[in-house]
Amino acid sequence: MRLRILVFILALLPVCALADDADNQGMFYLAGGGGSHGPSLTVGAGTRVDALELNAIHLGTTAYGGTAKFVGLSLVQNTTPKYGFNALVRLGMGRETTSFPGGLAAHQMWFANGIYFGVGAQYRIGDHFALRAEVNRIRYAASPGGLDNRLRYPMTLSAMLIF
């Protein structure tokens, strides 16, 4: 597990260098918003077309009274912006944690069930501000033992601050 985290950190370094390249329209950004099941937060680095993002998404409650949260790392491919609009596709992996009453918890993680993807659209209002709407497909643990897995499709609307 530590090796996977190290690989992700090393993969982040060239993306950060790319984001610092002004000729390539590099950028860092922070997006926060809400969705169908709760708040979401995104930190990203890359260009207007390719980016690496760290996402935190609240997935809401489960049938057994648990609260599901997701944290993931993903690659985002944006279409070339036209009139400020562009579409996006996301593919990543992460860790979902469901906390149940009584201190019980269950997880879905990394390669086993932690693969997630999404689609969306973005409208860039100015050089430093954009709005994004998207839907992601995330698997979560619905029961305290983690044997009951379900899919959730959280829809989010976020405001992006671009640096």
N, C-alpha and C. Protein backbone atom coordinates (compact mmCIF):
# COMPACT_ATOMS: atom_id res chain seq x y z
N MET A 1 0.81 -1.18 0.00
CA MET A 1 0.00 0.00 0.00
C MET A 1 0.86 1.26 0.00
N ARG A 2 1.92 1.27 0.77
CA ARG A 2 2.81 2.43 0.80
C ARG A 2 3.47 2.64 -0.56
N LEU A 3 3.75 1.54 -1.26
CA LEU A 3 4.34 1.65 -2.59
C LEU A 3 3.38 2.36 -3.54
N ARG A 4 2.09 2.06 -3.47
CA ARG A 4 1.11 2.72 -4.33
C ARG A 4 1.04 4.21 -4.04
N ILE A 5 1.06 4.58 -2.78
CA ILE A 5 1.04 6.00 -2.41
C ILE A 5 2.29 6.69 -2.93
N LEU A 6 3.45 6.06 -2.83
CA LEU A 6 4.69 6.63 -3.34
C LEU A 6 4.62 6.80 -4.85
N VAL A 7 4.05 5.83 -5.56
CA VAL A 7 3.91 5.94 -7.02
C VAL A 7 3.02 7.12 -7.38
N PHE A 8 1.92 7.34 -6.66
CA PHE A 8 1.05 8.47 -6.94
C PHE A 8 1.76 9.80 -6.69
N ILE A 9 2.53 9.87 -5.63
CA ILE A 9 3.26 11.11 -5.34
C ILE A 9 4.29 11.39 -6.44
N LEU A 10 5.00 10.36 -6.87
CA LEU A 10 5.97 10.53 -7.95
C LEU A 10 5.29 10.90 -9.27
N ALA A 11 4.10 10.37 -9.50
CA ALA A 11 3.35 10.72 -10.71
C ALA A 11 2.88 12.17 -10.67
N LEU A 12 2.68 12.70 -9.49
CA LEU A 12 2.22 14.08 -9.34
C LEU A 12 3.31 15.10 -9.70
N LEU A 13 4.57 14.77 -9.49
CA LEU A 13 5.65 15.73 -9.71
C LEU A 13 5.71 16.27 -11.14
N PRO A 14 5.70 15.43 -12.19
CA PRO A 14 5.73 16.01 -13.53
C PRO A 14 4.50 16.82 -13.87
N VAL A 15 3.36 16.47 -13.30
CA VAL A 15 2.15 17.24 -13.56
C VAL A 15 2.28 18.63 -12.94
N CYS A 16 2.86 18.71 -11.75
CA CYS A 16 3.07 20.01 -11.12
C CYS A 16 4.03 20.87 -11.93
N ALA A 17 5.08 20.25 -12.48
CA ALA A 17 6.01 20.99 -13.32
C ALA A 17 5.32 21.46 -14.59
N LEU A 18 4.46 20.65 -15.14
CA LEU A 18 3.71 21.02 -16.33
C LEU A 18 2.77 22.17 -16.04
N ALA A 19 2.14 22.16 -14.88
CA ALA A 19 1.23 23.23 -14.51
C ALA A 19 1.95 24.54 -14.31
N ASP A 20 3.24 24.51 -14.03
CA ASP A 20 4.02 25.71 -13.84
C ASP A 20 4.49 26.30 -15.16
N ASP A 21 4.32 25.61 -16.27
CA ASP A 21 4.76 26.06 -17.58
C ASP A 21 3.70 26.96 -18.20
N ALA A 22 3.95 28.28 -18.25
CA ALA A 22 2.98 29.25 -18.73
C ALA A 22 2.64 29.06 -20.21
N ASP A 23 3.59 28.60 -21.02
CA ASP A 23 3.32 28.41 -22.44
C ASP A 23 2.33 27.28 -22.68
N ASN A 24 2.21 26.37 -21.77
CA ASN A 24 1.32 25.23 -21.91
C ASN A 24 -0.02 25.48 -21.21
N GLN A 25 -0.29 26.73 -20.83
CA GLN A 25 -1.51 27.11 -20.14
C GLN A 25 -1.71 26.28 -18.88
N GLY A 26 -0.63 26.09 -18.13
CA GLY A 26 -0.69 25.30 -16.91
C GLY A 26 -1.46 26.01 -15.82
N MET A 27 -2.01 25.23 -14.90
CA MET A 27 -2.79 25.83 -13.83
C MET A 27 -2.88 24.90 -12.63
N PHE A 28 -3.09 25.50 -11.49
CA PHE A 28 -3.49 24.82 -10.27
C PHE A 28 -4.90 25.31 -9.97
N TYR A 29 -5.72 24.48 -9.41
CA TYR A 29 -7.06 24.94 -9.08
C TYR A 29 -7.62 24.22 -7.87
N LEU A 30 -8.61 24.87 -7.29
CA LEU A 30 -9.33 24.37 -6.13
C LEU A 30 -10.81 24.51 -6.45
N ALA A 31 -11.57 23.42 -6.30
CA ALA A 31 -13.01 23.45 -6.59
C ALA A 31 -13.76 22.92 -5.38
N GLY A 32 -14.80 23.61 -5.03
CA GLY A 32 -15.64 23.17 -3.93
C GLY A 32 -17.09 23.33 -4.32
N GLY A 33 -17.91 22.42 -3.85
CA GLY A 33 -19.31 22.52 -4.18
C GLY A 33 -20.13 21.51 -3.43
N GLY A 34 -21.32 21.31 -3.93
CA GLY A 34 -22.23 20.36 -3.32
C GLY A 34 -22.86 19.51 -4.39
N GLY A 35 -23.54 18.48 -3.92
CA GLY A 35 -24.14 17.59 -4.88
C GLY A 35 -25.35 16.88 -4.34
N SER A 36 -25.70 15.82 -5.02
CA SER A 36 -26.90 15.08 -4.69
C SER A 36 -26.82 14.39 -3.33
N HIS A 37 -25.61 14.17 -2.80
CA HIS A 37 -25.47 13.47 -1.53
C HIS A 37 -24.68 14.24 -0.48
N GLY A 38 -24.12 15.40 -0.84
CA GLY A 38 -23.36 16.17 0.13
C GLY A 38 -22.26 16.97 -0.54
N PRO A 39 -21.34 17.52 0.27
CA PRO A 39 -20.28 18.38 -0.26
C PRO A 39 -19.20 17.60 -1.00
N SER A 40 -18.46 18.35 -1.84
CA SER A 40 -17.31 17.78 -2.55
C SER A 40 -16.20 18.83 -2.60
N LEU A 41 -14.97 18.35 -2.68
CA LEU A 41 -13.80 19.22 -2.75
C LEU A 41 -12.80 18.60 -3.71
N THR A 42 -12.20 19.43 -4.56
CA THR A 42 -11.24 18.98 -5.55
C THR A 42 -10.04 19.90 -5.56
N VAL A 43 -8.84 19.32 -5.62
CA VAL A 43 -7.60 20.06 -5.82
C VAL A 43 -6.97 19.47 -7.07
N GLY A 44 -6.58 20.31 -8.02
CA GLY A 44 -6.05 19.80 -9.27
C GLY A 44 -4.86 20.59 -9.78
N ALA A 45 -4.09 19.95 -10.67
CA ALA A 45 -2.95 20.58 -11.33
C ALA A 45 -2.85 19.99 -12.72
N GLY A 46 -2.48 20.82 -13.67
CA GLY A 46 -2.32 20.35 -15.04
C GLY A 46 -2.45 21.47 -16.02
N THR A 47 -3.03 21.15 -17.17
CA THR A 47 -3.27 22.15 -18.21
C THR A 47 -4.77 22.27 -18.42
N ARG A 48 -5.16 23.07 -19.41
CA ARG A 48 -6.59 23.19 -19.71
C ARG A 48 -7.16 21.91 -20.30
N VAL A 49 -6.29 21.01 -20.77
CA VAL A 49 -6.75 19.78 -21.40
C VAL A 49 -6.54 18.57 -20.50
N ASP A 50 -5.39 18.43 -19.86
CA ASP A 50 -5.07 17.28 -19.02
C ASP A 50 -4.80 17.75 -17.59
N ALA A 51 -5.33 17.00 -16.63
CA ALA A 51 -5.11 17.36 -15.23
C ALA A 51 -5.09 16.13 -14.35
N LEU A 52 -4.44 16.27 -13.22
CA LEU A 52 -4.43 15.26 -12.16
C LEU A 52 -5.16 15.88 -10.98
N GLU A 53 -6.18 15.17 -10.47
CA GLU A 53 -7.01 15.73 -9.41
C GLU A 53 -7.08 14.82 -8.21
N LEU A 54 -7.17 15.45 -7.05
CA LEU A 54 -7.44 14.77 -5.78
C LEU A 54 -8.85 15.19 -5.39
N ASN A 55 -9.76 14.20 -5.22
CA ASN A 55 -11.16 14.48 -4.96
C ASN A 55 -11.59 13.93 -3.60
N ALA A 56 -12.46 14.66 -2.95
CA ALA A 56 -13.13 14.19 -1.74
C ALA A 56 -14.62 14.42 -1.95
N ILE A 57 -15.40 13.33 -1.88
CA ILE A 57 -16.83 13.41 -2.18
C ILE A 57 -17.60 12.73 -1.06
N HIS A 58 -18.60 13.41 -0.56
CA HIS A 58 -19.49 12.82 0.45
C HIS A 58 -20.57 12.06 -0.30
N LEU A 59 -20.73 10.76 -0.01
CA LEU A 59 -21.68 9.92 -0.74
C LEU A 59 -23.02 9.77 -0.04
N GLY A 60 -23.19 10.34 1.12
CA GLY A 60 -24.47 10.27 1.81
C GLY A 60 -24.57 9.08 2.75
N THR A 61 -25.80 8.73 3.09
CA THR A 61 -26.05 7.64 4.04
C THR A 61 -26.44 6.35 3.31
N THR A 62 -26.22 5.24 3.98
CA THR A 62 -26.55 3.92 3.43
C THR A 62 -27.84 3.40 4.08
N ALA A 63 -28.31 2.26 3.58
CA ALA A 63 -29.53 1.66 4.11
C ALA A 63 -29.38 1.25 5.58
N TYR A 64 -28.15 0.94 6.03
CA TYR A 64 -27.91 0.52 7.41
C TYR A 64 -27.55 1.69 8.32
N GLY A 65 -27.75 2.91 7.87
CA GLY A 65 -27.49 4.08 8.70
C GLY A 65 -26.05 4.55 8.69
N GLY A 66 -25.23 4.03 7.80
CA GLY A 66 -23.84 4.45 7.72
C GLY A 66 -23.67 5.71 6.88
N THR A 67 -22.53 6.36 7.03
CA THR A 67 -22.20 7.55 6.25
C THR A 67 -20.99 7.23 5.38
N ALA A 68 -21.13 7.39 4.07
CA ALA A 68 -20.08 7.03 3.13
C ALA A 68 -19.36 8.27 2.62
N LYS A 69 -18.02 8.19 2.60
CA LYS A 69 -17.16 9.27 2.08
C LYS A 69 -16.13 8.66 1.16
N PHE A 70 -15.71 9.42 0.15
CA PHE A 70 -14.77 8.92 -0.84
C PHE A 70 -13.63 9.91 -1.04
N VAL A 71 -12.40 9.40 -1.15
CA VAL A 71 -11.23 10.20 -1.49
C VAL A 71 -10.51 9.47 -2.61
N GLY A 72 -10.23 10.18 -3.70
CA GLY A 72 -9.60 9.52 -4.84
C GLY A 72 -8.67 10.42 -5.62
N LEU A 73 -7.82 9.78 -6.41
CA LEU A 73 -6.89 10.46 -7.29
C LEU A 73 -7.26 10.07 -8.71
N SER A 74 -7.41 11.05 -9.60
CA SER A 74 -7.87 10.74 -10.94
C SER A 74 -7.17 11.58 -12.00
N LEU A 75 -7.16 11.04 -13.20
CA LEU A 75 -6.72 11.77 -14.38
C LEU A 75 -7.96 12.31 -15.06
N VAL A 76 -7.93 13.58 -15.44
CA VAL A 76 -9.07 14.22 -16.08
C VAL A 76 -8.64 14.69 -17.46
N GLN A 77 -9.43 14.29 -18.47
CA GLN A 77 -9.19 14.71 -19.84
C GLN A 77 -10.32 15.67 -20.23
N ASN A 78 -9.96 16.90 -20.56
CA ASN A 78 -10.93 17.91 -20.98
C ASN A 78 -10.88 18.05 -22.49
N THR A 79 -12.02 18.34 -23.10
CA THR A 79 -12.00 18.69 -24.52
C THR A 79 -11.45 20.10 -24.64
N THR A 80 -11.03 20.46 -25.82
CA THR A 80 -10.53 21.81 -26.06
C THR A 80 -11.66 22.80 -25.82
N PRO A 81 -11.45 23.82 -24.99
CA PRO A 81 -12.52 24.76 -24.69
C PRO A 81 -12.99 25.53 -25.94
N LYS A 82 -14.30 25.69 -26.05
CA LYS A 82 -14.88 26.47 -27.13
C LYS A 82 -15.94 27.37 -26.52
N TYR A 83 -15.76 28.67 -26.68
CA TYR A 83 -16.65 29.67 -26.08
C TYR A 83 -16.75 29.51 -24.57
N GLY A 84 -15.67 29.06 -23.94
CA GLY A 84 -15.63 28.88 -22.50
C GLY A 84 -16.15 27.54 -22.01
N PHE A 85 -16.80 26.76 -22.87
CA PHE A 85 -17.36 25.46 -22.48
C PHE A 85 -16.42 24.33 -22.88
N ASN A 86 -16.40 23.28 -22.08
CA ASN A 86 -15.72 22.06 -22.45
C ASN A 86 -16.33 20.88 -21.69
N ALA A 87 -16.18 19.70 -22.26
CA ALA A 87 -16.62 18.46 -21.62
C ALA A 87 -15.41 17.83 -20.95
N LEU A 88 -15.63 16.94 -19.99
CA LEU A 88 -14.53 16.28 -19.31
C LEU A 88 -14.87 14.83 -19.03
N VAL A 89 -13.82 14.01 -18.98
CA VAL A 89 -13.92 12.60 -18.63
C VAL A 89 -12.89 12.33 -17.55
N ARG A 90 -13.28 11.56 -16.53
CA ARG A 90 -12.41 11.28 -15.38
C ARG A 90 -12.23 9.77 -15.23
N LEU A 91 -11.01 9.35 -14.90
CA LEU A 91 -10.73 7.95 -14.56
C LEU A 91 -9.75 7.96 -13.40
N GLY A 92 -10.06 7.26 -12.34
CA GLY A 92 -9.17 7.28 -11.18
C GLY A 92 -9.42 6.12 -10.25
N MET A 93 -8.73 6.16 -9.14
CA MET A 93 -8.93 5.17 -8.11
C MET A 93 -8.81 5.84 -6.75
N GLY A 94 -9.42 5.20 -5.76
CA GLY A 94 -9.40 5.82 -4.45
C GLY A 94 -9.89 4.90 -3.37
N ARG A 95 -10.27 5.51 -2.26
CA ARG A 95 -10.70 4.77 -1.08
C ARG A 95 -12.01 5.35 -0.60
N GLU A 96 -12.95 4.44 -0.41
CA GLU A 96 -14.25 4.81 0.13
C GLU A 96 -14.32 4.26 1.54
N THR A 97 -14.84 5.06 2.47
CA THR A 97 -15.00 4.62 3.85
C THR A 97 -16.44 4.86 4.28
N THR A 98 -17.07 3.81 4.78
CA THR A 98 -18.42 3.94 5.32
C THR A 98 -18.34 3.72 6.83
N SER A 99 -18.79 4.71 7.59
CA SER A 99 -18.82 4.64 9.05
C SER A 99 -20.24 4.32 9.49
N PHE A 100 -20.38 3.30 10.32
CA PHE A 100 -21.70 2.87 10.79
C PHE A 100 -21.85 3.19 12.27
N PRO A 101 -23.11 3.24 12.76
CA PRO A 101 -23.33 3.47 14.19
C PRO A 101 -22.66 2.36 15.01
N GLY A 102 -22.15 2.72 16.15
CA GLY A 102 -21.48 1.75 17.01
C GLY A 102 -19.99 1.64 16.73
N GLY A 103 -19.45 2.52 15.88
CA GLY A 103 -18.02 2.53 15.61
C GLY A 103 -17.55 1.57 14.54
N LEU A 104 -18.46 0.87 13.87
CA LEU A 104 -18.07 -0.05 12.80
C LEU A 104 -17.77 0.73 11.52
N ALA A 105 -16.87 0.19 10.70
CA ALA A 105 -16.52 0.83 9.43
C ALA A 105 -16.24 -0.24 8.38
N ALA A 106 -16.43 0.12 7.13
CA ALA A 106 -16.13 -0.76 6.00
C ALA A 106 -15.50 0.09 4.90
N HIS A 107 -14.68 -0.54 4.04
CA HIS A 107 -13.94 0.19 3.01
C HIS A 107 -14.06 -0.49 1.65
N GLN A 108 -13.92 0.31 0.62
CA GLN A 108 -13.70 -0.14 -0.76
C GLN A 108 -12.45 0.62 -1.18
N MET A 109 -11.46 -0.05 -1.75
CA MET A 109 -10.18 0.62 -1.92
C MET A 109 -9.42 0.20 -3.16
N TRP A 110 -8.71 1.15 -3.72
CA TRP A 110 -7.73 1.01 -4.79
C TRP A 110 -8.17 0.11 -5.92
N PHE A 111 -7.39 -0.88 -6.28
CA PHE A 111 -7.65 -1.67 -7.48
C PHE A 111 -8.84 -2.62 -7.35
N ALA A 112 -9.11 -3.11 -6.15
CA ALA A 112 -10.19 -4.09 -5.99
C ALA A 112 -11.54 -3.50 -6.39
N ASN A 113 -12.00 -2.50 -5.70
CA ASN A 113 -13.30 -1.89 -5.99
C ASN A 113 -13.23 -0.37 -6.00
N GLY A 114 -12.04 0.19 -5.92
CA GLY A 114 -11.91 1.63 -5.81
C GLY A 114 -11.79 2.38 -7.12
N ILE A 115 -11.91 1.69 -8.26
CA ILE A 115 -11.85 2.37 -9.55
C ILE A 115 -13.13 3.18 -9.73
N TYR A 116 -13.00 4.43 -10.14
CA TYR A 116 -14.18 5.25 -10.39
C TYR A 116 -13.96 6.07 -11.65
N PHE A 117 -15.06 6.49 -12.23
CA PHE A 117 -14.98 7.34 -13.42
C PHE A 117 -16.15 8.29 -13.44
N GLY A 118 -16.04 9.31 -14.27
CA GLY A 118 -17.10 10.30 -14.34
C GLY A 118 -17.06 11.07 -15.63
N VAL A 119 -18.13 11.80 -15.88
CA VAL A 119 -18.25 12.69 -17.04
C VAL A 119 -18.84 14.00 -16.55
N GLY A 120 -18.57 15.06 -17.29
CA GLY A 120 -19.11 16.34 -16.88
C GLY A 120 -18.87 17.42 -17.91
N ALA A 121 -19.23 18.62 -17.52
CA ALA A 121 -19.05 19.80 -18.36
C ALA A 121 -18.56 20.94 -17.48
N GLN A 122 -17.87 21.86 -18.11
CA GLN A 122 -17.29 22.98 -17.38
C GLN A 122 -17.47 24.25 -18.20
N TYR A 123 -17.73 25.36 -17.51
CA TYR A 123 -17.81 26.66 -18.16
C TYR A 123 -16.85 27.60 -17.47
N ARG A 124 -15.89 28.09 -18.21
CA ARG A 124 -14.87 28.99 -17.66
C ARG A 124 -15.35 30.42 -17.84
N ILE A 125 -15.67 31.07 -16.72
CA ILE A 125 -16.23 32.42 -16.74
C ILE A 125 -15.14 33.46 -16.99
N GLY A 126 -13.98 33.26 -16.42
CA GLY A 126 -12.86 34.19 -16.60
C GLY A 126 -11.56 33.43 -16.48
N ASP A 127 -10.47 34.17 -16.35
CA ASP A 127 -9.16 33.54 -16.24
C ASP A 127 -8.99 32.76 -14.93
N HIS A 128 -9.72 33.17 -13.90
CA HIS A 128 -9.51 32.56 -12.58
C HIS A 128 -10.76 31.94 -11.96
N PHE A 129 -11.82 31.78 -12.75
CA PHE A 129 -13.05 31.24 -12.18
C PHE A 129 -13.78 30.39 -13.21
N ALA A 130 -14.32 29.25 -12.77
CA ALA A 130 -15.10 28.36 -13.65
C ALA A 130 -16.17 27.64 -12.84
N LEU A 131 -17.18 27.17 -13.52
CA LEU A 131 -18.22 26.34 -12.92
C LEU A 131 -18.16 24.96 -13.56
N ARG A 132 -18.35 23.93 -12.76
CA ARG A 132 -18.25 22.55 -13.25
C ARG A 132 -19.43 21.75 -12.72
N ALA A 133 -20.03 20.95 -13.62
CA ALA A 133 -21.07 20.00 -13.25
C ALA A 133 -20.62 18.63 -13.73
N GLU A 134 -20.76 17.62 -12.87
CA GLU A 134 -20.33 16.28 -13.26
C GLU A 134 -21.07 15.21 -12.49
N VAL A 135 -20.97 14.00 -13.02
CA VAL A 135 -21.51 12.83 -12.34
C VAL A 135 -20.42 11.76 -12.35
N ASN A 136 -20.22 11.11 -11.21
CA ASN A 136 -19.19 10.08 -11.06
C ASN A 136 -19.83 8.75 -10.69
N ARG A 137 -19.16 7.68 -11.02
CA ARG A 137 -19.60 6.33 -10.65
C ARG A 137 -18.65 5.81 -9.58
N ILE A 138 -19.17 5.60 -8.36
CA ILE A 138 -18.34 5.19 -7.23
C ILE A 138 -19.00 4.00 -6.53
N ARG A 139 -18.21 2.97 -6.24
CA ARG A 139 -18.69 1.81 -5.49
C ARG A 139 -18.42 2.05 -4.00
N TYR A 140 -19.40 1.71 -3.16
CA TYR A 140 -19.24 1.91 -1.72
C TYR A 140 -19.74 0.70 -0.95
N ALA A 141 -19.26 0.56 0.27
CA ALA A 141 -19.67 -0.53 1.16
C ALA A 141 -20.98 -0.12 1.83
N ALA A 142 -22.03 -0.91 1.60
CA ALA A 142 -23.35 -0.55 2.12
C ALA A 142 -23.69 -1.23 3.43
N SER A 143 -22.93 -2.26 3.81
CA SER A 143 -23.22 -2.99 5.06
C SER A 143 -22.00 -2.95 5.98
N PRO A 144 -22.19 -3.13 7.29
CA PRO A 144 -21.07 -3.08 8.23
C PRO A 144 -19.95 -4.07 7.92
N GLY A 145 -20.23 -5.23 7.40
CA GLY A 145 -19.19 -6.20 7.08
C GLY A 145 -18.48 -5.93 5.76
N GLY A 146 -19.02 -5.01 4.98
CA GLY A 146 -18.43 -4.69 3.69
C GLY A 146 -18.77 -5.67 2.59
N LEU A 147 -19.62 -6.66 2.89
CA LEU A 147 -19.98 -7.66 1.88
C LEU A 147 -21.03 -7.16 0.90
N ASP A 148 -21.85 -6.20 1.33
CA ASP A 148 -22.86 -5.61 0.46
C ASP A 148 -22.29 -4.35 -0.18
N ASN A 149 -21.94 -4.42 -1.46
CA ASN A 149 -21.39 -3.28 -2.18
C ASN A 149 -22.46 -2.71 -3.10
N ARG A 150 -22.51 -1.41 -3.17
CA ARG A 150 -23.48 -0.75 -4.04
C ARG A 150 -22.77 0.32 -4.85
N LEU A 151 -23.44 0.76 -5.90
CA LEU A 151 -22.93 1.86 -6.71
C LEU A 151 -23.70 3.11 -6.39
N ARG A 152 -23.01 4.23 -6.43
CA ARG A 152 -23.65 5.52 -6.27
C ARG A 152 -23.13 6.42 -7.36
N TYR A 153 -24.01 7.28 -7.86
CA TYR A 153 -23.66 8.21 -8.93
C TYR A 153 -23.88 9.63 -8.43
N PRO A 154 -22.95 10.14 -7.61
CA PRO A 154 -23.14 11.50 -7.08
C PRO A 154 -22.98 12.55 -8.18
N MET A 155 -23.96 13.43 -8.27
CA MET A 155 -23.88 14.56 -9.19
C MET A 155 -23.44 15.77 -8.38
N THR A 156 -22.46 16.50 -8.89
CA THR A 156 -21.94 17.66 -8.16
C THR A 156 -21.91 18.89 -9.04
N LEU A 157 -22.07 20.02 -8.42
CA LEU A 157 -21.91 21.32 -9.05
C LEU A 157 -20.88 22.06 -8.23
N SER A 158 -19.77 22.47 -8.88
CA SER A 158 -18.65 23.08 -8.15
C SER A 158 -18.25 24.41 -8.76
N ALA A 159 -17.73 25.27 -7.91
CA ALA A 159 -17.11 26.51 -8.35
C ALA A 159 -15.60 26.31 -8.25
N MET A 160 -14.88 26.66 -9.31
CA MET A 160 -13.42 26.46 -9.36
C MET A 160 -12.69 27.80 -9.27
N LEU A 161 -11.71 27.84 -8.42
CA LEU A 161 -10.80 28.98 -8.33
C LEU A 161 -9.48 28.54 -8.95
N ILE A 162 -9.07 29.20 -10.02
CA ILE A 162 -7.89 28.80 -10.80
C ILE A 162 -6.74 29.75 -10.49
N PHE A 163 -5.57 29.16 -10.19
CA PHE A 163 -4.39 29.98 -9.85
C PHE A 163 -3.44 30.03 -11.03
